[in-house]
């Protein structure tokens, strides 16, 4: 399995909106590309930033 970690960050006041954008538009757009082996995306929050992990397998 190959896993890609992308680190994004935003101000704490914008964290909820940022996660909402990721889940409603960015992750959906990646999924709609039907990339072979793509298994999904997930987020994990840390204080003062949002952490994003994309998982794929080959």
C-alpha atoms as a PDB file:
ATOM      1  CA  UNK A   1       0.000   0.000   0.000  1.00  0.00           C
ATOM      2  CA  UNK A   2       1.137   3.509  -0.799  1.00  0.00           C
ATOM      3  CA  UNK A   3      -0.073   6.330   1.423  1.00  0.00           C
ATOM      4  CA  UNK A   4       0.353  10.014   0.689  1.00  0.00           C
ATOM      5  CA  UNK A   5       0.233  12.592   3.452  1.00  0.00           C
ATOM      6  CA  UNK A   6      -0.494  16.174   2.552  1.00  0.00           C
ATOM      7  CA  UNK A   7      -0.195  18.789   5.281  1.00  0.00           C
ATOM      8  CA  UNK A   8      -2.503  21.753   5.032  1.00  0.00           C
ATOM      9  CA  UNK A   9      -3.062  24.468   7.582  1.00  0.00           C
ATOM     10  CA  UNK A  10      -5.357  27.347   8.318  1.00  0.00           C
ATOM     11  CA  UNK A  11      -6.210  29.677  11.168  1.00  0.00           C
ATOM     12  CA  UNK A  12      -8.194  28.006  13.960  1.00  0.00           C
ATOM     13  CA  UNK A  13     -11.189  30.201  13.142  1.00  0.00           C
ATOM     14  CA  UNK A  14     -11.231  28.795   9.586  1.00  0.00           C
ATOM     15  CA  UNK A  15     -10.624  25.127  10.442  1.00  0.00           C
ATOM     16  CA  UNK A  16     -14.261  23.979  10.230  1.00  0.00           C
ATOM     17  CA  UNK A  17     -14.805  25.735   6.888  1.00  0.00           C
ATOM     18  CA  UNK A  18     -11.547  24.278   5.545  1.00  0.00           C
ATOM     19  CA  UNK A  19     -12.515  20.720   6.499  1.00  0.00           C
ATOM     20  CA  UNK A  20     -15.966  21.279   5.003  1.00  0.00           C
ATOM     21  CA  UNK A  21     -14.410  22.414   1.706  1.00  0.00           C
ATOM     22  CA  UNK A  22     -12.088  19.411   1.645  1.00  0.00           C
ATOM     23  CA  UNK A  23     -14.903  16.934   2.233  1.00  0.00           C
ATOM     24  CA  UNK A  24     -17.546  18.519  -0.006  1.00  0.00           C
ATOM     25  CA  UNK A  25     -15.411  19.547  -2.997  1.00  0.00           C
ATOM     26  CA  UNK A  26     -11.768  18.485  -2.951  1.00  0.00           C
ATOM     27  CA  UNK A  27     -12.144  14.855  -1.840  1.00  0.00           C
ATOM     28  CA  UNK A  28     -15.254  14.402  -4.012  1.00  0.00           C
ATOM     29  CA  UNK A  29     -13.338  15.744  -7.029  1.00  0.00           C
ATOM     30  CA  UNK A  30     -10.485  13.311  -6.421  1.00  0.00           C
ATOM     31  CA  UNK A  31     -12.916  10.412  -6.005  1.00  0.00           C
ATOM     32  CA  UNK A  32     -14.783  11.352  -9.197  1.00  0.00           C
ATOM     33  CA  UNK A  33     -11.551  11.003 -11.188  1.00  0.00           C
ATOM     34  CA  UNK A  34     -11.784   7.225 -10.550  1.00  0.00           C
ATOM     35  CA  UNK A  35      -8.038   6.796 -10.054  1.00  0.00           C
ATOM     36  CA  UNK A  36      -7.077   3.131 -10.067  1.00  0.00           C
ATOM     37  CA  UNK A  37      -6.240   1.979  -6.548  1.00  0.00           C
ATOM     38  CA  UNK A  38      -7.635   5.078  -4.818  1.00  0.00           C
ATOM     39  CA  UNK A  39      -9.147   4.048  -1.472  1.00  0.00           C
ATOM     40  CA  UNK A  40     -10.297   7.376  -0.056  1.00  0.00           C
ATOM     41  CA  UNK A  41      -9.231  10.422   1.932  1.00  0.00           C
ATOM     42  CA  UNK A  42      -9.487  11.387   5.556  1.00  0.00           C
ATOM     43  CA  UNK A  43      -8.716  14.337   7.800  1.00  0.00           C
ATOM     44  CA  UNK A  44      -7.246  14.600  11.261  1.00  0.00           C
ATOM     45  CA  UNK A  45      -7.272  17.821  13.239  1.00  0.00           C
ATOM     46  CA  UNK A  46      -4.485  19.180  15.374  1.00  0.00           C
ATOM     47  CA  UNK A  47      -4.572  22.424  17.357  1.00  0.00           C
ATOM     48  CA  UNK A  48      -4.230  25.461  15.079  1.00  0.00           C
ATOM     49  CA  UNK A  49      -4.120  23.398  11.896  1.00  0.00           C
ATOM     50  CA  UNK A  50      -5.887  20.723   9.869  1.00  0.00           C
ATOM     51  CA  UNK A  51      -4.060  17.584   8.790  1.00  0.00           C
ATOM     52  CA  UNK A  52      -5.062  15.738   5.630  1.00  0.00           C
ATOM     53  CA  UNK A  53      -4.151  12.216   4.604  1.00  0.00           C
ATOM     54  CA  UNK A  54      -4.880  10.737   1.196  1.00  0.00           C
ATOM     55  CA  UNK A  55      -4.637   6.969   0.967  1.00  0.00           C
ATOM     56  CA  UNK A  56      -4.048   5.000  -2.194  1.00  0.00           C
ATOM     57  CA  UNK A  57      -2.906   1.489  -2.902  1.00  0.00           C
ATOM     58  CA  UNK A  58      -1.052   0.066  -5.845  1.00  0.00           C
END
